[in-house]
Amino acid sequence: MIVVFICCGKGTKQRDVYCTDMKQVAVDNKYCEHLKKPRVYKVCRAGRCPAWKATRWKECSVTCGVGYQQREVFCRLKGVGRISEETCNPFSRPASTQQCRLPDCLQNEWLADEWEDVSMA
């Protein structure tokens, strides 16, 4: 039986090792004690790990004051592209929304004086 303990990157494989007779029938380990026992564990490379990918932040939602920026975040596997988000670690997912602050909005307006009397020349 071979078990890989992680789904990607470096990990460990495990196997069962049995002492057998000439007919490949399992016998007590004491009959093999004079022989070098094969490894039970082995370091392995289980493939590339999926990772989160984030696009650049979009423009702020306002032209002045406090607003929000958004970006796209997705799970991808190098050499494959986008894959199901369940494949990536949810605890390491980057934010897809953040607050942005631009200079305060100025409350300028036009102010008009009263009309002057018409001057006659």
PDB file of N, CA and C in Angstrom:
ATOM      1  N   MET A   1       0.848  -1.175   0.000  1.00  0.00           N
ATOM      2  CA  MET A   1       0.000   0.000   0.000  1.00  0.00           C
ATOM      3  C   MET A   1       0.893   1.238   0.000  1.00  0.00           C
ATOM      4  N   ILE A   2       0.636   2.210  -0.899  1.00  0.00           N
ATOM      5  CA  ILE A   2       1.403   3.441  -0.987  1.00  0.00           C
ATOM      6  C   ILE A   2       0.491   4.595  -0.623  1.00  0.00           C
ATOM      7  N   VAL A   3       0.968   5.466   0.268  1.00  0.00           N
ATOM      8  CA  VAL A   3       0.183   6.606   0.713  1.00  0.00           C
ATOM      9  C   VAL A   3       1.016   7.860   0.513  1.00  0.00           C
ATOM     10  N   VAL A   4       0.481   8.846  -0.180  1.00  0.00           N
ATOM     11  CA  VAL A   4       1.152  10.138  -0.299  1.00  0.00           C
ATOM     12  C   VAL A   4       0.451  11.074   0.675  1.00  0.00           C
ATOM     13  N   PHE A   5       1.218  11.680   1.584  1.00  0.00           N
ATOM     14  CA  PHE A   5       0.633  12.454   2.663  1.00  0.00           C
ATOM     15  C   PHE A   5       0.276  13.883   2.288  1.00  0.00           C
ATOM     16  N   ILE A   6       0.754  14.386   1.173  1.00  0.00           N
ATOM     17  CA  ILE A   6       0.364  15.710   0.722  1.00  0.00           C
ATOM     18  C   ILE A   6       0.011  15.635  -0.747  1.00  0.00           C
ATOM     19  N   CYS A   7      -0.731  16.615  -1.238  1.00  0.00           N
ATOM     20  CA  CYS A   7      -1.203  16.548  -2.616  1.00  0.00           C
ATOM     21  C   CYS A   7      -0.261  17.220  -3.594  1.00  0.00           C
ATOM     22  N   CYS A   8       0.712  17.979  -3.102  1.00  0.00           N
ATOM     23  CA  CYS A   8       1.619  18.664  -4.017  1.00  0.00           C
ATOM     24  C   CYS A   8       2.925  18.979  -3.305  1.00  0.00           C
ATOM     25  N   GLY A   9       3.916  19.380  -4.093  1.00  0.00           N
ATOM     26  CA  GLY A   9       5.216  19.708  -3.517  1.00  0.00           C
ATOM     27  C   GLY A   9       5.936  18.465  -3.052  1.00  0.00           C
ATOM     28  N   LYS A  10       6.837  18.623  -2.096  1.00  0.00           N
ATOM     29  CA  LYS A  10       7.572  17.485  -1.566  1.00  0.00           C
ATOM     30  C   LYS A  10       6.773  16.822  -0.462  1.00  0.00           C
ATOM     31  N   GLY A  11       6.822  15.500  -0.431  1.00  0.00           N
ATOM     32  CA  GLY A  11       6.086  14.770   0.583  1.00  0.00           C
ATOM     33  C   GLY A  11       6.770  13.456   0.886  1.00  0.00           C
ATOM     34  N   THR A  12       6.036  12.544   1.450  1.00  0.00           N
ATOM     35  CA  THR A  12       6.563  11.244   1.837  1.00  0.00           C
ATOM     36  C   THR A  12       5.635  10.157   1.342  1.00  0.00           C
ATOM     37  N   LYS A  13       6.215   9.128   0.754  1.00  0.00           N
ATOM     38  CA  LYS A  13       5.451   7.942   0.381  1.00  0.00           C
ATOM     39  C   LYS A  13       5.769   6.850   1.396  1.00  0.00           C
ATOM     40  N   GLN A  14       4.783   6.018   1.630  1.00  0.00           N
ATOM     41  CA  GLN A  14       4.946   4.930   2.581  1.00  0.00           C
ATOM     42  C   GLN A  14       4.503   3.641   1.916  1.00  0.00           C
ATOM     43  N   ARG A  15       5.158   2.543   2.265  1.00  0.00           N
ATOM     44  CA  ARG A  15       4.731   1.250   1.741  1.00  0.00           C
ATOM     45  C   ARG A  15       4.922   0.189   2.816  1.00  0.00           C
ATOM     46  N   ASP A  16       4.190  -0.889   2.665  1.00  0.00           N
ATOM     47  CA  ASP A  16       4.356  -2.025   3.554  1.00  0.00           C
ATOM     48  C   ASP A  16       5.409  -2.947   2.964  1.00  0.00           C
ATOM     49  N   VAL A  17       6.227  -3.544   3.807  1.00  0.00           N
ATOM     50  CA  VAL A  17       7.273  -4.469   3.367  1.00  0.00           C
ATOM     51  C   VAL A  17       7.050  -5.785   4.119  1.00  0.00           C
ATOM     52  N   TYR A  18       7.011  -6.880   3.370  1.00  0.00           N
ATOM     53  CA  TYR A  18       6.724  -8.194   3.950  1.00  0.00           C
ATOM     54  C   TYR A  18       7.888  -9.149   3.710  1.00  0.00           C
ATOM     55  N   CYS A  19       8.071 -10.050   4.615  1.00  0.00           N
ATOM     56  CA  CYS A  19       8.990 -11.165   4.420  1.00  0.00           C
ATOM     57  C   CYS A  19       8.175 -12.279   3.771  1.00  0.00           C
ATOM     58  N   THR A  20       8.647 -12.810   2.645  1.00  0.00           N
ATOM     59  CA  THR A  20       7.903 -13.853   1.935  1.00  0.00           C
ATOM     60  C   THR A  20       8.802 -15.049   1.638  1.00  0.00           C
ATOM     61  N   ASP A  21       8.165 -16.172   1.379  1.00  0.00           N
ATOM     62  CA  ASP A  21       8.929 -17.358   0.976  1.00  0.00           C
ATOM     63  C   ASP A  21       9.093 -17.356  -0.540  1.00  0.00           C
ATOM     64  N   MET A  22       9.601 -18.437  -1.089  1.00  0.00           N
ATOM     65  CA  MET A  22       9.873 -18.512  -2.531  1.00  0.00           C
ATOM     66  C   MET A  22       8.599 -18.441  -3.385  1.00  0.00           C
ATOM     67  N   LYS A  23       7.450 -18.718  -2.765  1.00  0.00           N
ATOM     68  CA  LYS A  23       6.182 -18.677  -3.494  1.00  0.00           C
ATOM     69  C   LYS A  23       5.464 -17.350  -3.291  1.00  0.00           C
ATOM     70  N   GLN A  24       6.161 -16.334  -2.734  1.00  0.00           N
ATOM     71  CA  GLN A  24       5.621 -15.006  -2.470  1.00  0.00           C
ATOM     72  C   GLN A  24       4.511 -15.025  -1.408  1.00  0.00           C
ATOM     73  N   VAL A  25       4.565 -16.000  -0.528  1.00  0.00           N
ATOM     74  CA  VAL A  25       3.613 -16.085   0.575  1.00  0.00           C
ATOM     75  C   VAL A  25       4.249 -15.429   1.794  1.00  0.00           C
ATOM     76  N   ALA A  26       3.518 -14.563   2.473  1.00  0.00           N
ATOM     77  CA  ALA A  26       4.049 -13.859   3.635  1.00  0.00           C
ATOM     78  C   ALA A  26       4.351 -14.845   4.761  1.00  0.00           C
ATOM     79  N   VAL A  27       5.555 -14.653   5.340  1.00  0.00           N
ATOM     80  CA  VAL A  27       5.967 -15.468   6.485  1.00  0.00           C
ATOM     81  C   VAL A  27       6.424 -14.540   7.595  1.00  0.00           C
ATOM     82  N   ASP A  28       6.729 -15.057   8.735  1.00  0.00           N
ATOM     83  CA  ASP A  28       7.174 -14.263   9.871  1.00  0.00           C
ATOM     84  C   ASP A  28       8.459 -13.508   9.524  1.00  0.00           C
ATOM     85  N   ASN A  29       8.573 -12.270  10.016  1.00  0.00           N
ATOM     86  CA  ASN A  29       9.747 -11.427   9.722  1.00  0.00           C
ATOM     87  C   ASN A  29      11.057 -12.042  10.198  1.00  0.00           C
ATOM     88  N   LYS A  30      11.024 -12.948  11.172  1.00  0.00           N
ATOM     89  CA  LYS A  30      12.261 -13.535  11.701  1.00  0.00           C
ATOM     90  C   LYS A  30      13.026 -14.301  10.623  1.00  0.00           C
ATOM     91  N   TYR A  31      12.331 -14.758   9.573  1.00  0.00           N
ATOM     92  CA  TYR A  31      12.991 -15.495   8.491  1.00  0.00           C
ATOM     93  C   TYR A  31      13.768 -14.590   7.535  1.00  0.00           C
ATOM     94  N   CYS A  32      13.577 -13.287   7.660  1.00  0.00           N
ATOM     95  CA  CYS A  32      14.276 -12.329   6.782  1.00  0.00           C
ATOM     96  C   CYS A  32      15.260 -11.456   7.557  1.00  0.00           C
ATOM     97  N   GLU A  33      15.430 -11.688   8.844  1.00  0.00           N
ATOM     98  CA  GLU A  33      16.279 -10.823   9.665  1.00  0.00           C
ATOM     99  C   GLU A  33      17.719 -10.743   9.165  1.00  0.00           C
ATOM    100  N   HIS A  34      18.205 -11.760   8.488  1.00  0.00           N
ATOM    101  CA  HIS A  34      19.584 -11.764   7.980  1.00  0.00           C
ATOM    102  C   HIS A  34      19.722 -10.938   6.686  1.00  0.00           C
ATOM    103  N   LEU A  35      18.602 -10.500   6.125  1.00  0.00           N
ATOM    104  CA  LEU A  35      18.598  -9.712   4.885  1.00  0.00           C
ATOM    105  C   LEU A  35      18.386  -8.232   5.190  1.00  0.00           C
ATOM    106  N   LYS A  36      18.896  -7.382   4.295  1.00  0.00           N
ATOM    107  CA  LYS A  36      18.664  -5.940   4.436  1.00  0.00           C
ATOM    108  C   LYS A  36      17.217  -5.649   4.056  1.00  0.00           C
ATOM    109  N   LYS A  37      16.497  -4.997   4.967  1.00  0.00           N
ATOM    110  CA  LYS A  37      15.084  -4.695   4.749  1.00  0.00           C
ATOM    111  C   LYS A  37      14.950  -3.483   3.819  1.00  0.00           C
ATOM    112  N   PRO A  38      14.081  -3.566   2.797  1.00  0.00           N
ATOM    113  CA  PRO A  38      13.847  -2.408   1.905  1.00  0.00           C
ATOM    114  C   PRO A  38      13.247  -1.239   2.692  1.00  0.00           C
ATOM    115  N   ARG A  39      13.444  -0.024   2.146  1.00  0.00           N
ATOM    116  CA  ARG A  39      12.907   1.181   2.793  1.00  0.00           C
ATOM    117  C   ARG A  39      11.387   1.130   2.880  1.00  0.00           C
ATOM    118  N   VAL A  40      10.879   1.680   3.962  1.00  0.00           N
ATOM    119  CA  VAL A  40       9.433   1.759   4.164  1.00  0.00           C
ATOM    120  C   VAL A  40       8.925   3.149   3.768  1.00  0.00           C
ATOM    121  N   TYR A  41       9.767   4.188   3.913  1.00  0.00           N
ATOM    122  CA  TYR A  41       9.414   5.566   3.563  1.00  0.00           C
ATOM    123  C   TYR A  41      10.308   6.062   2.444  1.00  0.00           C
ATOM    124  N   LYS A  42       9.773   6.971   1.661  1.00  0.00           N
ATOM    125  CA  LYS A  42      10.539   7.562   0.558  1.00  0.00           C
ATOM    126  C   LYS A  42      10.071   8.995   0.356  1.00  0.00           C
ATOM    127  N   VAL A  43      11.012   9.908   0.175  1.00  0.00           N
ATOM    128  CA  VAL A  43      10.668  11.294  -0.138  1.00  0.00           C
ATOM    129  C   VAL A  43      10.214  11.330  -1.588  1.00  0.00           C
ATOM    130  N   CYS A  44       9.157  12.071  -1.844  1.00  0.00           N
ATOM    131  CA  CYS A  44       8.635  12.130  -3.207  1.00  0.00           C
ATOM    132  C   CYS A  44       8.278  13.557  -3.582  1.00  0.00           C
ATOM    133  N   ARG A  45       8.136  13.780  -4.859  1.00  0.00           N
ATOM    134  CA  ARG A  45       7.644  15.053  -5.377  1.00  0.00           C
ATOM    135  C   ARG A  45       6.294  14.763  -5.988  1.00  0.00           C
ATOM    136  N   ALA A  46       5.263  15.335  -5.400  1.00  0.00           N
ATOM    137  CA  ALA A  46       3.900  15.001  -5.793  1.00  0.00           C
ATOM    138  C   ALA A  46       3.290  15.975  -6.799  1.00  0.00           C
ATOM    139  N   GLY A  47       4.095  16.770  -7.458  1.00  0.00           N
ATOM    140  CA  GLY A  47       3.559  17.683  -8.461  1.00  0.00           C
ATOM    141  C   GLY A  47       3.492  19.119  -7.986  1.00  0.00           C
ATOM    142  N   ARG A  48       3.101  19.986  -8.874  1.00  0.00           N
ATOM    143  CA  ARG A  48       3.027  21.411  -8.555  1.00  0.00           C
ATOM    144  C   ARG A  48       1.834  21.714  -7.659  1.00  0.00           C
ATOM    145  N   CYS A  49       2.017  22.702  -6.808  1.00  0.00           N
ATOM    146  CA  CYS A  49       0.942  23.107  -5.904  1.00  0.00           C
ATOM    147  C   CYS A  49       0.096  24.193  -6.554  1.00  0.00           C
ATOM    148  N   PRO A  50      -1.216  24.139  -6.381  1.00  0.00           N
ATOM    149  CA  PRO A  50      -2.049  25.231  -6.878  1.00  0.00           C
ATOM    150  C   PRO A  50      -1.795  26.481  -6.041  1.00  0.00           C
ATOM    151  N   ALA A  51      -2.002  27.646  -6.634  1.00  0.00           N
ATOM    152  CA  ALA A  51      -1.751  28.911  -5.928  1.00  0.00           C
ATOM    153  C   ALA A  51      -2.776  29.947  -6.359  1.00  0.00           C
ATOM    154  N   TRP A  52      -2.999  30.911  -5.469  1.00  0.00           N
ATOM    155  CA  TRP A  52      -3.900  32.028  -5.786  1.00  0.00           C
ATOM    156  C   TRP A  52      -3.191  33.001  -6.710  1.00  0.00           C
ATOM    157  N   LYS A  53      -3.925  33.546  -7.645  1.00  0.00           N
ATOM    158  CA  LYS A  53      -3.427  34.569  -8.558  1.00  0.00           C
ATOM    159  C   LYS A  53      -4.381  35.748  -8.479  1.00  0.00           C
ATOM    160  N   ALA A  54      -3.835  36.952  -8.346  1.00  0.00           N
ATOM    161  CA  ALA A  54      -4.663  38.164  -8.261  1.00  0.00           C
ATOM    162  C   ALA A  54      -4.274  39.125  -9.374  1.00  0.00           C
ATOM    163  N   THR A  55      -5.280  39.715 -10.017  1.00  0.00           N
ATOM    164  CA  THR A  55      -5.008  40.720 -11.042  1.00  0.00           C
ATOM    165  C   THR A  55      -4.708  42.053 -10.355  1.00  0.00           C
ATOM    166  N   ARG A  56      -4.378  43.065 -11.139  1.00  0.00           N
ATOM    167  CA  ARG A  56      -4.114  44.392 -10.572  1.00  0.00           C
ATOM    168  C   ARG A  56      -5.403  45.021 -10.069  1.00  0.00           C
ATOM    169  N   TRP A  57      -5.238  45.926  -9.099  1.00  0.00           N
ATOM    170  CA  TRP A  57      -6.403  46.629  -8.557  1.00  0.00           C
ATOM    171  C   TRP A  57      -7.006  47.531  -9.625  1.00  0.00           C
ATOM    172  N   LYS A  58      -8.340  47.564  -9.715  1.00  0.00           N
ATOM    173  CA  LYS A  58      -9.040  48.476 -10.624  1.00  0.00           C
ATOM    174  C   LYS A  58      -9.073  49.856  -9.987  1.00  0.00           C
ATOM    175  N   GLU A  59      -9.512  50.851 -10.759  1.00  0.00           N
ATOM    176  CA  GLU A  59      -9.570  52.219 -10.246  1.00  0.00           C
ATOM    177  C   GLU A  59     -10.521  52.309  -9.068  1.00  0.00           C
ATOM    178  N   CYS A  60     -10.302  53.324  -8.239  1.00  0.00           N
ATOM    179  CA  CYS A  60     -11.155  53.567  -7.086  1.00  0.00           C
ATOM    180  C   CYS A  60     -12.577  53.861  -7.572  1.00  0.00           C
ATOM    181  N   SER A  61     -13.561  53.454  -6.795  1.00  0.00           N
ATOM    182  CA  SER A  61     -14.966  53.614  -7.186  1.00  0.00           C
ATOM    183  C   SER A  61     -15.452  55.065  -7.111  1.00  0.00           C
ATOM    184  N   VAL A  62     -14.656  55.954  -6.525  1.00  0.00           N
ATOM    185  CA  VAL A  62     -15.029  57.371  -6.412  1.00  0.00           C
ATOM    186  C   VAL A  62     -13.888  58.226  -6.950  1.00  0.00           C
ATOM    187  N   THR A  63     -14.183  59.506  -7.247  1.00  0.00           N
ATOM    188  CA  THR A  63     -13.140  60.415  -7.731  1.00  0.00           C
ATOM    189  C   THR A  63     -12.560  61.264  -6.601  1.00  0.00           C
ATOM    190  N   CYS A  64     -13.239  61.260  -5.450  1.00  0.00           N
ATOM    191  CA  CYS A  64     -12.727  61.955  -4.272  1.00  0.00           C
ATOM    192  C   CYS A  64     -13.309  61.301  -3.031  1.00  0.00           C
ATOM    193  N   GLY A  65     -12.603  61.409  -1.919  1.00  0.00           N
ATOM    194  CA  GLY A  65     -13.087  60.801  -0.680  1.00  0.00           C
ATOM    195  C   GLY A  65     -12.743  59.330  -0.586  1.00  0.00           C
ATOM    196  N   VAL A  66     -13.561  58.570   0.143  1.00  0.00           N
ATOM    197  CA  VAL A  66     -13.301  57.155   0.402  1.00  0.00           C
ATOM    198  C   VAL A  66     -14.169  56.282  -0.496  1.00  0.00           C
ATOM    199  N   GLY A  67     -13.540  55.302  -1.129  1.00  0.00           N
ATOM    200  CA  GLY A  67     -14.255  54.367  -1.995  1.00  0.00           C
ATOM    201  C   GLY A  67     -13.653  52.982  -1.883  1.00  0.00           C
ATOM    202  N   TYR A  68     -13.873  52.175  -2.902  1.00  0.00           N
ATOM    203  CA  TYR A  68     -13.367  50.802  -2.903  1.00  0.00           C
ATOM    204  C   TYR A  68     -12.719  50.476  -4.235  1.00  0.00           C
ATOM    205  N   GLN A  69     -11.748  49.566  -4.177  1.00  0.00           N
ATOM    206  CA  GLN A  69     -11.119  49.030  -5.374  1.00  0.00           C
ATOM    207  C   GLN A  69     -11.386  47.539  -5.395  1.00  0.00           C
ATOM    208  N   GLN A  70     -11.476  46.979  -6.577  1.00  0.00           N
ATOM    209  CA  GLN A  70     -11.691  45.541  -6.719  1.00  0.00           C
ATOM    210  C   GLN A  70     -10.654  44.954  -7.659  1.00  0.00           C
ATOM    211  N   ARG A  71     -10.463  43.655  -7.508  1.00  0.00           N
ATOM    212  CA  ARG A  71      -9.605  42.912  -8.418  1.00  0.00           C
ATOM    213  C   ARG A  71     -10.108  41.476  -8.468  1.00  0.00           C
ATOM    214  N   GLU A  72      -9.680  40.777  -9.487  1.00  0.00           N
ATOM    215  CA  GLU A  72     -10.078  39.383  -9.645  1.00  0.00           C
ATOM    216  C   GLU A  72      -9.055  38.488  -8.956  1.00  0.00           C
ATOM    217  N   VAL A  73      -9.537  37.514  -8.204  1.00  0.00           N
ATOM    218  CA  VAL A  73      -8.674  36.543  -7.531  1.00  0.00           C
ATOM    219  C   VAL A  73      -9.153  35.158  -7.940  1.00  0.00           C
ATOM    220  N   PHE A  74      -8.217  34.294  -8.379  1.00  0.00           N
ATOM    221  CA  PHE A  74      -8.605  32.948  -8.794  1.00  0.00           C
ATOM    222  C   PHE A  74      -7.496  31.957  -8.456  1.00  0.00           C
ATOM    223  N   CYS A  75      -7.866  30.695  -8.440  1.00  0.00           N
ATOM    224  CA  CYS A  75      -6.921  29.614  -8.154  1.00  0.00           C
ATOM    225  C   CYS A  75      -6.373  29.111  -9.481  1.00  0.00           C
ATOM    226  N   ARG A  76      -5.052  28.900  -9.521  1.00  0.00           N
ATOM    227  CA  ARG A  76      -4.486  28.388 -10.768  1.00  0.00           C
ATOM    228  C   ARG A  76      -3.377  27.389 -10.485  1.00  0.00           C
ATOM    229  N   LEU A  77      -3.132  26.551 -11.464  1.00  0.00           N
ATOM    230  CA  LEU A  77      -2.050  25.583 -11.419  1.00  0.00           C
ATOM    231  C   LEU A  77      -1.141  25.901 -12.583  1.00  0.00           C
ATOM    232  N   LYS A  78       0.123  26.157 -12.278  1.00  0.00           N
ATOM    233  CA  LYS A  78       1.077  26.547 -13.316  1.00  0.00           C
ATOM    234  C   LYS A  78       1.106  25.483 -14.414  1.00  0.00           C
ATOM    235  N   GLY A  79       1.027  25.926 -15.642  1.00  0.00           N
ATOM    236  CA  GLY A  79       1.026  25.017 -16.777  1.00  0.00           C
ATOM    237  C   GLY A  79      -0.360  24.529 -17.166  1.00  0.00           C
ATOM    238  N   VAL A  80      -1.353  24.767 -16.290  1.00  0.00           N
ATOM    239  CA  VAL A  80      -2.731  24.333 -16.555  1.00  0.00           C
ATOM    240  C   VAL A  80      -3.647  25.537 -16.702  1.00  0.00           C
ATOM    241  N   GLY A  81      -3.510  26.504 -15.799  1.00  0.00           N
ATOM    242  CA  GLY A  81      -4.372  27.687 -15.804  1.00  0.00           C
ATOM    243  C   GLY A  81      -5.348  27.648 -14.646  1.00  0.00           C
ATOM    244  N   ARG A  82      -6.510  28.277 -14.844  1.00  0.00           N
ATOM    245  CA  ARG A  82      -7.522  28.344 -13.785  1.00  0.00           C
ATOM    246  C   ARG A  82      -8.040  26.951 -13.447  1.00  0.00           C
ATOM    247  N   ILE A  83      -8.201  26.741 -12.130  1.00  0.00           N
ATOM    248  CA  ILE A  83      -8.773  25.492 -11.646  1.00  0.00           C
ATOM    249  C   ILE A  83      -9.780  25.826 -10.553  1.00  0.00           C
ATOM    250  N   SER A  84     -10.477  24.851 -10.052  1.00  0.00           N
ATOM    251  CA  SER A  84     -11.498  25.050  -9.028  1.00  0.00           C
ATOM    252  C   SER A  84     -10.907  25.705  -7.779  1.00  0.00           C
ATOM    253  N   GLU A  85     -11.627  26.688  -7.224  1.00  0.00           N
ATOM    254  CA  GLU A  85     -11.148  27.406  -6.035  1.00  0.00           C
ATOM    255  C   GLU A  85     -11.001  26.487  -4.830  1.00  0.00           C
ATOM    256  N   GLU A  86     -11.734  25.381  -4.783  1.00  0.00           N
ATOM    257  CA  GLU A  86     -11.640  24.445  -3.669  1.00  0.00           C
ATOM    258  C   GLU A  86     -10.255  23.806  -3.594  1.00  0.00           C
ATOM    259  N   THR A  87      -9.503  23.868  -4.687  1.00  0.00           N
ATOM    260  CA  THR A  87      -8.180  23.258  -4.731  1.00  0.00           C
ATOM    261  C   THR A  87      -7.151  24.088  -3.967  1.00  0.00           C
ATOM    262  N   CYS A  88      -7.339  25.399  -3.892  1.00  0.00           N
ATOM    263  CA  CYS A  88      -6.405  26.290  -3.194  1.00  0.00           C
ATOM    264  C   CYS A  88      -6.774  26.425  -1.722  1.00  0.00           C
ATOM    265  N   ASN A  89      -5.791  26.789  -0.930  1.00  0.00           N
ATOM    266  CA  ASN A  89      -5.987  26.981   0.507  1.00  0.00           C
ATOM    267  C   ASN A  89      -6.853  28.227   0.746  1.00  0.00           C
ATOM    268  N   PRO A  90      -8.041  28.076   1.325  1.00  0.00           N
ATOM    269  CA  PRO A  90      -8.925  29.239   1.515  1.00  0.00           C
ATOM    270  C   PRO A  90      -8.364  30.262   2.497  1.00  0.00           C
ATOM    271  N   PHE A  91      -7.482  29.835   3.397  1.00  0.00           N
ATOM    272  CA  PHE A  91      -6.928  30.747   4.397  1.00  0.00           C
ATOM    273  C   PHE A  91      -5.845  31.666   3.830  1.00  0.00           C
ATOM    274  N   SER A  92      -5.309  31.329   2.653  1.00  0.00           N
ATOM    275  CA  SER A  92      -4.276  32.177   2.059  1.00  0.00           C
ATOM    276  C   SER A  92      -4.809  32.991   0.871  1.00  0.00           C
ATOM    277  N   ARG A  93      -6.130  32.996   0.687  1.00  0.00           N
ATOM    278  CA  ARG A  93      -6.727  33.719  -0.456  1.00  0.00           C
ATOM    279  C   ARG A  93      -6.546  35.227  -0.270  1.00  0.00           C
ATOM    280  N   PRO A  94      -5.963  35.914  -1.266  1.00  0.00           N
ATOM    281  CA  PRO A  94      -5.814  37.371  -1.171  1.00  0.00           C
ATOM    282  C   PRO A  94      -7.174  38.073  -1.249  1.00  0.00           C
ATOM    283  N   ALA A  95      -7.227  39.268  -0.725  1.00  0.00           N
ATOM    284  CA  ALA A  95      -8.461  40.061  -0.750  1.00  0.00           C
ATOM    285  C   ALA A  95      -8.810  40.445  -2.183  1.00  0.00           C
ATOM    286  N   SER A  96     -10.105  40.502  -2.468  1.00  0.00           N
ATOM    287  CA  SER A  96     -10.538  40.929  -3.796  1.00  0.00           C
ATOM    288  C   SER A  96     -11.122  42.340  -3.756  1.00  0.00           C
ATOM    289  N   THR A  97     -11.274  42.910  -2.548  1.00  0.00           N
ATOM    290  CA  THR A  97     -11.781  44.269  -2.372  1.00  0.00           C
ATOM    291  C   THR A  97     -10.958  44.967  -1.300  1.00  0.00           C
ATOM    292  N   GLN A  98     -10.654  46.238  -1.538  1.00  0.00           N
ATOM    293  CA  GLN A  98      -9.969  47.033  -0.515  1.00  0.00           C
ATOM    294  C   GLN A  98     -10.466  48.470  -0.567  1.00  0.00           C
ATOM    295  N   GLN A  99     -10.300  49.155   0.548  1.00  0.00           N
ATOM    296  CA  GLN A  99     -10.712  50.554   0.630  1.00  0.00           C
ATOM    297  C   GLN A  99      -9.648  51.423  -0.041  1.00  0.00           C
ATOM    298  N   CYS A 100     -10.081  52.499  -0.684  1.00  0.00           N
ATOM    299  CA  CYS A 100      -9.138  53.469  -1.262  1.00  0.00           C
ATOM    300  C   CYS A 100      -9.554  54.864  -0.796  1.00  0.00           C
ATOM    301  N   ARG A 101      -8.579  55.714  -0.617  1.00  0.00           N
ATOM    302  CA  ARG A 101      -8.854  57.080  -0.141  1.00  0.00           C
ATOM    303  C   ARG A 101      -8.187  58.065  -1.094  1.00  0.00           C
ATOM    304  N   LEU A 102      -9.016  58.931  -1.654  1.00  0.00           N
ATOM    305  CA  LEU A 102      -8.538  59.991  -2.539  1.00  0.00           C
ATOM    306  C   LEU A 102      -8.706  61.314  -1.794  1.00  0.00           C
ATOM    307  N   PRO A 103      -8.138  62.403  -2.313  1.00  0.00           N
ATOM    308  CA  PRO A 103      -8.304  63.688  -1.619  1.00  0.00           C
ATOM    309  C   PRO A 103      -9.778  63.981  -1.350  1.00  0.00           C
ATOM    310  N   ASP A 104     -10.036  64.681  -0.241  1.00  0.00           N
ATOM    311  CA  ASP A 104     -11.407  65.001   0.148  1.00  0.00           C
ATOM    312  C   ASP A 104     -12.135  65.744  -0.964  1.00  0.00           C
ATOM    313  N   CYS A 105     -13.412  65.509  -1.039  1.00  0.00           N
ATOM    314  CA  CYS A 105     -14.243  66.186  -2.029  1.00  0.00           C
ATOM    315  C   CYS A 105     -14.407  67.656  -1.606  1.00  0.00           C
ATOM    316  N   LEU A 106     -14.173  68.578  -2.529  1.00  0.00           N
ATOM    317  CA  LEU A 106     -14.330  70.005  -2.242  1.00  0.00           C
ATOM    318  C   LEU A 106     -15.752  70.410  -2.593  1.00  0.00           C
ATOM    319  N   GLN A 107     -16.346  71.176  -1.728  1.00  0.00           N
ATOM    320  CA  GLN A 107     -17.727  71.601  -1.936  1.00  0.00           C
ATOM    321  C   GLN A 107     -17.745  73.014  -2.525  1.00  0.00           C
ATOM    322  N   ASN A 108     -17.170  73.182  -3.677  1.00  0.00           N
ATOM    323  CA  ASN A 108     -17.147  74.487  -4.347  1.00  0.00           C
ATOM    324  C   ASN A 108     -18.440  74.692  -5.131  1.00  0.00           C
ATOM    325  N   GLU A 109     -18.829  75.966  -5.249  1.00  0.00           N
ATOM    326  CA  GLU A 109     -19.994  76.289  -6.060  1.00  0.00           C
ATOM    327  C   GLU A 109     -19.875  77.744  -6.513  1.00  0.00           C
ATOM    328  N   TRP A 110     -20.632  78.091  -7.541  1.00  0.00           N
ATOM    329  CA  TRP A 110     -20.675  79.479  -8.008  1.00  0.00           C
ATOM    330  C   TRP A 110     -21.605  80.291  -7.111  1.00  0.00           C
ATOM    331  N   LEU A 111     -21.203  81.547  -6.864  1.00  0.00           N
ATOM    332  CA  LEU A 111     -22.045  82.475  -6.112  1.00  0.00           C
ATOM    333  C   LEU A 111     -22.227  83.715  -6.974  1.00  0.00           C
ATOM    334  N   ALA A 112     -23.446  84.088  -7.220  1.00  0.00           N
ATOM    335  CA  ALA A 112     -23.711  85.240  -8.100  1.00  0.00           C
ATOM    336  C   ALA A 112     -24.269  86.398  -7.280  1.00  0.00           C
ATOM    337  N   ASP A 113     -23.735  87.591  -7.546  1.00  0.00           N
ATOM    338  CA  ASP A 113     -24.255  88.810  -6.904  1.00  0.00           C
ATOM    339  C   ASP A 113     -25.594  89.190  -7.546  1.00  0.00           C
ATOM    340  N   GLU A 114     -26.264  90.150  -6.927  1.00  0.00           N
ATOM    341  CA  GLU A 114     -27.500  90.669  -7.502  1.00  0.00           C
ATOM    342  C   GLU A 114     -27.144  91.459  -8.744  1.00  0.00           C
ATOM    343  N   TRP A 115     -28.113  91.549  -9.632  1.00  0.00           N
ATOM    344  CA  TRP A 115     -27.895  92.343 -10.847  1.00  0.00           C
ATOM    345  C   TRP A 115     -27.796  93.825 -10.482  1.00  0.00           C
ATOM    346  N   GLU A 116     -26.891  94.468 -11.182  1.00  0.00           N
ATOM    347  CA  GLU A 116     -26.792  95.920 -10.987  1.00  0.00           C
ATOM    348  C   GLU A 116     -27.797  96.611 -11.880  1.00  0.00           C
ATOM    349  N   ASP A 117     -28.092  97.863 -11.531  1.00  0.00           N
ATOM    350  CA  ASP A 117     -29.001  98.641 -12.379  1.00  0.00           C
ATOM    351  C   ASP A 117     -28.359  98.822 -13.735  1.00  0.00           C
ATOM    352  N   VAL A 118     -29.202  98.942 -14.719  1.00  0.00           N
ATOM    353  CA  VAL A 118     -28.725  99.148 -16.092  1.00  0.00           C
ATOM    354  C   VAL A 118     -28.214 100.601 -16.174  1.00  0.00           C
ATOM    355  N   SER A 119     -27.091 100.754 -16.728  1.00  0.00           N
ATOM    356  CA  SER A 119     -26.559 102.118 -16.877  1.00  0.00           C
ATOM    357  C   SER A 119     -26.906 102.634 -18.256  1.00  0.00           C
ATOM    358  N   MET A 120     -27.349 103.890 -18.327  1.00  0.00           N
ATOM    359  CA  MET A 120     -27.722 104.498 -19.590  1.00  0.00           C
ATOM    360  C   MET A 120     -26.608 105.452 -19.999  1.00  0.00           C
ATOM    361  N   ALA A 121     -26.244 105.366 -21.184  1.00  0.00           N
ATOM    362  CA  ALA A 121     -25.222 106.278 -21.640  1.00  0.00           C
ATOM    363  C   ALA A 121     -25.769 107.342 -22.542  1.00  0.00           C
TER     364      ALA A 121
END
